[in-house]
Amino acid sequence: NSLSFLKNELIQTIEQHPKNAMKIAIQQVENALIEEALIICRGNITRTAKTLGINRATLQRRLKKGSCNEHSNRKIE
């Protein structure tokens, strides 16, 4: 279950980074959403951005920034 996995990740984040836990946890959730949307949209950046309700350029910037390490090497359309 991805929800229980996320809960475990959040607990670990709070324990390891108590001062920045909120910022890090939000980033982890965002990364997970982007990664799942990329999988569902088969790597199509435009479709992924529309699915997430964000601008294509915003998604590209987040991918280039490396916020989604697993997919940051994807060719950006």
N, C-alpha and C. Protein backbone atom coordinates (compact mmCIF):
# COMPACT_ATOMS: atom_id res chain seq x y z
N ASN A 1 0.84 -1.18 0.00
CA ASN A 1 0.00 0.00 0.00
C ASN A 1 0.88 1.24 0.00
N SER A 2 0.70 2.11 -0.98
CA SER A 2 1.54 3.29 -1.10
C SER A 2 1.29 4.29 0.03
N LEU A 3 0.08 4.28 0.60
CA LEU A 3 -0.21 5.19 1.69
C LEU A 3 0.58 4.82 2.94
N SER A 4 0.70 3.53 3.24
CA SER A 4 1.48 3.13 4.40
C SER A 4 2.97 3.38 4.16
N PHE A 5 3.42 3.21 2.92
CA PHE A 5 4.81 3.52 2.58
C PHE A 5 5.07 5.00 2.82
N LEU A 6 4.14 5.85 2.38
CA LEU A 6 4.28 7.28 2.55
C LEU A 6 4.31 7.64 4.04
N LYS A 7 3.46 7.01 4.81
CA LYS A 7 3.44 7.26 6.25
C LYS A 7 4.79 6.93 6.87
N ASN A 8 5.37 5.80 6.49
CA ASN A 8 6.69 5.42 7.01
C ASN A 8 7.76 6.42 6.60
N GLU A 9 7.69 6.90 5.35
CA GLU A 9 8.64 7.91 4.87
C GLU A 9 8.52 9.20 5.69
N LEU A 10 7.29 9.60 5.96
CA LEU A 10 7.07 10.83 6.73
C LEU A 10 7.59 10.70 8.15
N ILE A 11 7.35 9.57 8.78
CA ILE A 11 7.85 9.34 10.14
C ILE A 11 9.38 9.40 10.15
N GLN A 12 10.00 8.77 9.17
CA GLN A 12 11.46 8.78 9.08
C GLN A 12 11.97 10.21 8.87
N THR A 13 11.30 10.99 8.03
CA THR A 13 11.69 12.37 7.79
C THR A 13 11.61 13.20 9.06
N ILE A 14 10.55 13.05 9.80
CA ILE A 14 10.38 13.80 11.05
C ILE A 14 11.48 13.44 12.04
N GLU A 15 11.82 12.17 12.12
CA GLU A 15 12.87 11.73 13.04
C GLU A 15 14.24 12.24 12.62
N GLN A 16 14.52 12.23 11.32
CA GLN A 16 15.85 12.61 10.84
C GLN A 16 16.04 14.11 10.66
N HIS A 17 14.96 14.83 10.37
CA HIS A 17 15.05 16.26 10.09
C HIS A 17 13.95 17.03 10.81
N PRO A 18 13.97 17.04 12.14
CA PRO A 18 12.86 17.65 12.87
C PRO A 18 12.64 19.13 12.57
N LYS A 19 13.70 19.86 12.25
CA LYS A 19 13.55 21.30 11.99
C LYS A 19 13.00 21.59 10.60
N ASN A 20 13.24 20.71 9.65
CA ASN A 20 12.80 20.92 8.27
C ASN A 20 11.79 19.88 7.82
N ALA A 21 11.17 19.20 8.75
CA ALA A 21 10.31 18.06 8.41
C ALA A 21 9.17 18.43 7.47
N MET A 22 8.52 19.55 7.71
CA MET A 22 7.38 19.94 6.88
C MET A 22 7.81 20.17 5.43
N LYS A 23 8.85 20.94 5.24
CA LYS A 23 9.34 21.25 3.89
C LYS A 23 9.76 19.98 3.16
N ILE A 24 10.50 19.13 3.83
CA ILE A 24 10.98 17.89 3.23
C ILE A 24 9.82 16.95 2.93
N ALA A 25 8.87 16.85 3.85
CA ALA A 25 7.72 15.96 3.65
C ALA A 25 6.88 16.41 2.46
N ILE A 26 6.66 17.70 2.33
CA ILE A 26 5.90 18.22 1.19
C ILE A 26 6.63 17.90 -0.11
N GLN A 27 7.95 18.05 -0.12
CA GLN A 27 8.74 17.74 -1.31
C GLN A 27 8.63 16.25 -1.65
N GLN A 28 8.66 15.39 -0.64
CA GLN A 28 8.55 13.95 -0.88
C GLN A 28 7.20 13.59 -1.49
N VAL A 29 6.14 14.20 -0.98
CA VAL A 29 4.80 13.93 -1.51
C VAL A 29 4.71 14.43 -2.95
N GLU A 30 5.24 15.62 -3.19
CA GLU A 30 5.23 16.18 -4.55
C GLU A 30 6.01 15.27 -5.50
N ASN A 31 7.17 14.82 -5.08
CA ASN A 31 7.97 13.93 -5.92
C ASN A 31 7.21 12.65 -6.25
N ALA A 32 6.56 12.08 -5.25
CA ALA A 32 5.81 10.84 -5.46
C ALA A 32 4.67 11.06 -6.45
N LEU A 33 3.97 12.18 -6.33
CA LEU A 33 2.88 12.48 -7.25
C LEU A 33 3.39 12.65 -8.68
N ILE A 34 4.49 13.37 -8.83
CA ILE A 34 5.05 13.58 -10.16
C ILE A 34 5.51 12.26 -10.77
N GLU A 35 6.20 11.44 -9.98
CA GLU A 35 6.67 10.15 -10.49
C GLU A 35 5.52 9.25 -10.91
N GLU A 36 4.47 9.19 -10.10
CA GLU A 36 3.31 8.36 -10.45
C GLU A 36 2.62 8.89 -11.69
N ALA A 37 2.47 10.20 -11.78
CA ALA A 37 1.83 10.80 -12.96
C ALA A 37 2.65 10.53 -14.21
N LEU A 38 3.97 10.60 -14.11
CA LEU A 38 4.83 10.30 -15.26
C LEU A 38 4.65 8.86 -15.72
N ILE A 39 4.51 7.95 -14.78
CA ILE A 39 4.30 6.54 -15.12
C ILE A 39 2.96 6.38 -15.81
N ILE A 40 1.92 6.95 -15.23
CA ILE A 40 0.58 6.84 -15.80
C ILE A 40 0.52 7.45 -17.20
N CYS A 41 1.23 8.56 -17.38
CA CYS A 41 1.22 9.27 -18.67
C CYS A 41 2.33 8.79 -19.59
N ARG A 42 2.98 7.70 -19.22
CA ARG A 42 4.04 7.08 -20.03
C ARG A 42 5.15 8.06 -20.42
N GLY A 43 5.51 8.93 -19.48
CA GLY A 43 6.62 9.85 -19.69
C GLY A 43 6.28 11.08 -20.50
N ASN A 44 5.04 11.23 -20.92
CA ASN A 44 4.64 12.39 -21.70
C ASN A 44 4.52 13.60 -20.77
N ILE A 45 5.42 14.56 -20.95
CA ILE A 45 5.51 15.71 -20.06
C ILE A 45 4.25 16.58 -20.13
N THR A 46 3.76 16.83 -21.33
CA THR A 46 2.58 17.67 -21.48
C THR A 46 1.37 17.04 -20.80
N ARG A 47 1.16 15.76 -21.04
CA ARG A 47 0.02 15.06 -20.43
C ARG A 47 0.18 14.99 -18.91
N THR A 48 1.41 14.77 -18.45
CA THR A 48 1.67 14.70 -17.01
C THR A 48 1.34 16.04 -16.35
N ALA A 49 1.79 17.13 -16.96
CA ALA A 49 1.52 18.46 -16.41
C ALA A 49 0.01 18.71 -16.34
N LYS A 50 -0.71 18.36 -17.40
CA LYS A 50 -2.17 18.54 -17.41
C LYS A 50 -2.82 17.69 -16.33
N THR A 51 -2.35 16.47 -16.18
CA THR A 51 -2.90 15.57 -15.16
C THR A 51 -2.71 16.15 -13.76
N LEU A 52 -1.55 16.75 -13.52
CA LEU A 52 -1.24 17.31 -12.21
C LEU A 52 -1.83 18.71 -12.01
N GLY A 53 -2.29 19.32 -13.10
CA GLY A 53 -2.85 20.66 -13.00
C GLY A 53 -1.80 21.74 -12.83
N ILE A 54 -0.62 21.47 -13.40
CA ILE A 54 0.45 22.47 -13.35
C ILE A 54 0.90 22.79 -14.76
N ASN A 55 1.61 23.88 -14.90
CA ASN A 55 2.14 24.30 -16.18
C ASN A 55 3.25 23.35 -16.62
N ARG A 56 3.34 23.11 -17.92
CA ARG A 56 4.38 22.23 -18.46
C ARG A 56 5.78 22.72 -18.09
N ALA A 57 5.99 24.03 -18.18
CA ALA A 57 7.29 24.60 -17.83
C ALA A 57 7.63 24.37 -16.36
N THR A 58 6.62 24.43 -15.51
CA THR A 58 6.83 24.17 -14.08
C THR A 58 7.27 22.74 -13.86
N LEU A 59 6.61 21.81 -14.54
CA LEU A 59 7.00 20.40 -14.43
C LEU A 59 8.42 20.19 -14.94
N GLN A 60 8.74 20.77 -16.09
CA GLN A 60 10.09 20.64 -16.64
C GLN A 60 11.13 21.19 -15.66
N ARG A 61 10.83 22.33 -15.06
CA ARG A 61 11.76 22.94 -14.11
C ARG A 61 11.98 22.03 -12.90
N ARG A 62 10.91 21.43 -12.41
CA ARG A 62 11.03 20.53 -11.25
C ARG A 62 11.82 19.28 -11.61
N LEU A 63 11.64 18.79 -12.82
CA LEU A 63 12.39 17.61 -13.25
C LEU A 63 13.87 17.95 -13.43
N LYS A 64 14.15 19.10 -14.04
CA LYS A 64 15.55 19.51 -14.25
C LYS A 64 16.24 19.80 -12.93
N LYS A 65 15.48 20.36 -11.98
CA LYS A 65 16.02 20.67 -10.66
C LYS A 65 16.44 19.40 -9.93
N GLY A 66 15.87 18.29 -10.37
CA GLY A 66 16.22 17.03 -9.75
C GLY A 66 15.30 16.65 -8.63
N SER A 67 14.13 17.30 -8.55
CA SER A 67 13.21 16.96 -7.47
C SER A 67 12.67 15.56 -7.62
N CYS A 68 12.71 15.04 -8.81
CA CYS A 68 12.26 13.66 -9.06
C CYS A 68 13.44 12.91 -9.64
N ASN A 69 14.30 12.45 -8.78
CA ASN A 69 15.56 11.84 -9.22
C ASN A 69 15.38 10.69 -10.19
N GLU A 70 14.39 9.83 -9.96
CA GLU A 70 14.21 8.65 -10.79
C GLU A 70 13.91 9.02 -12.23
N HIS A 71 13.20 10.14 -12.44
CA HIS A 71 12.77 10.50 -13.78
C HIS A 71 13.47 11.74 -14.30
N SER A 72 14.42 12.28 -13.57
CA SER A 72 15.05 13.51 -14.00
C SER A 72 15.91 13.32 -15.24
N ASN A 73 16.26 12.08 -15.57
CA ASN A 73 17.04 11.80 -16.77
C ASN A 73 16.19 11.59 -18.00
N ARG A 74 14.88 11.63 -17.84
CA ARG A 74 13.96 11.46 -18.97
C ARG A 74 14.17 12.57 -19.98
N LYS A 75 13.99 12.22 -21.24
CA LYS A 75 14.02 13.23 -22.28
C LYS A 75 12.79 14.10 -22.13
N ILE A 76 13.00 15.38 -22.03
CA ILE A 76 11.88 16.30 -21.88
C ILE A 76 11.41 16.71 -23.25
N GLU A 77 10.11 16.47 -23.50
CA GLU A 77 9.52 16.73 -24.81
C GLU A 77 9.33 18.20 -25.06
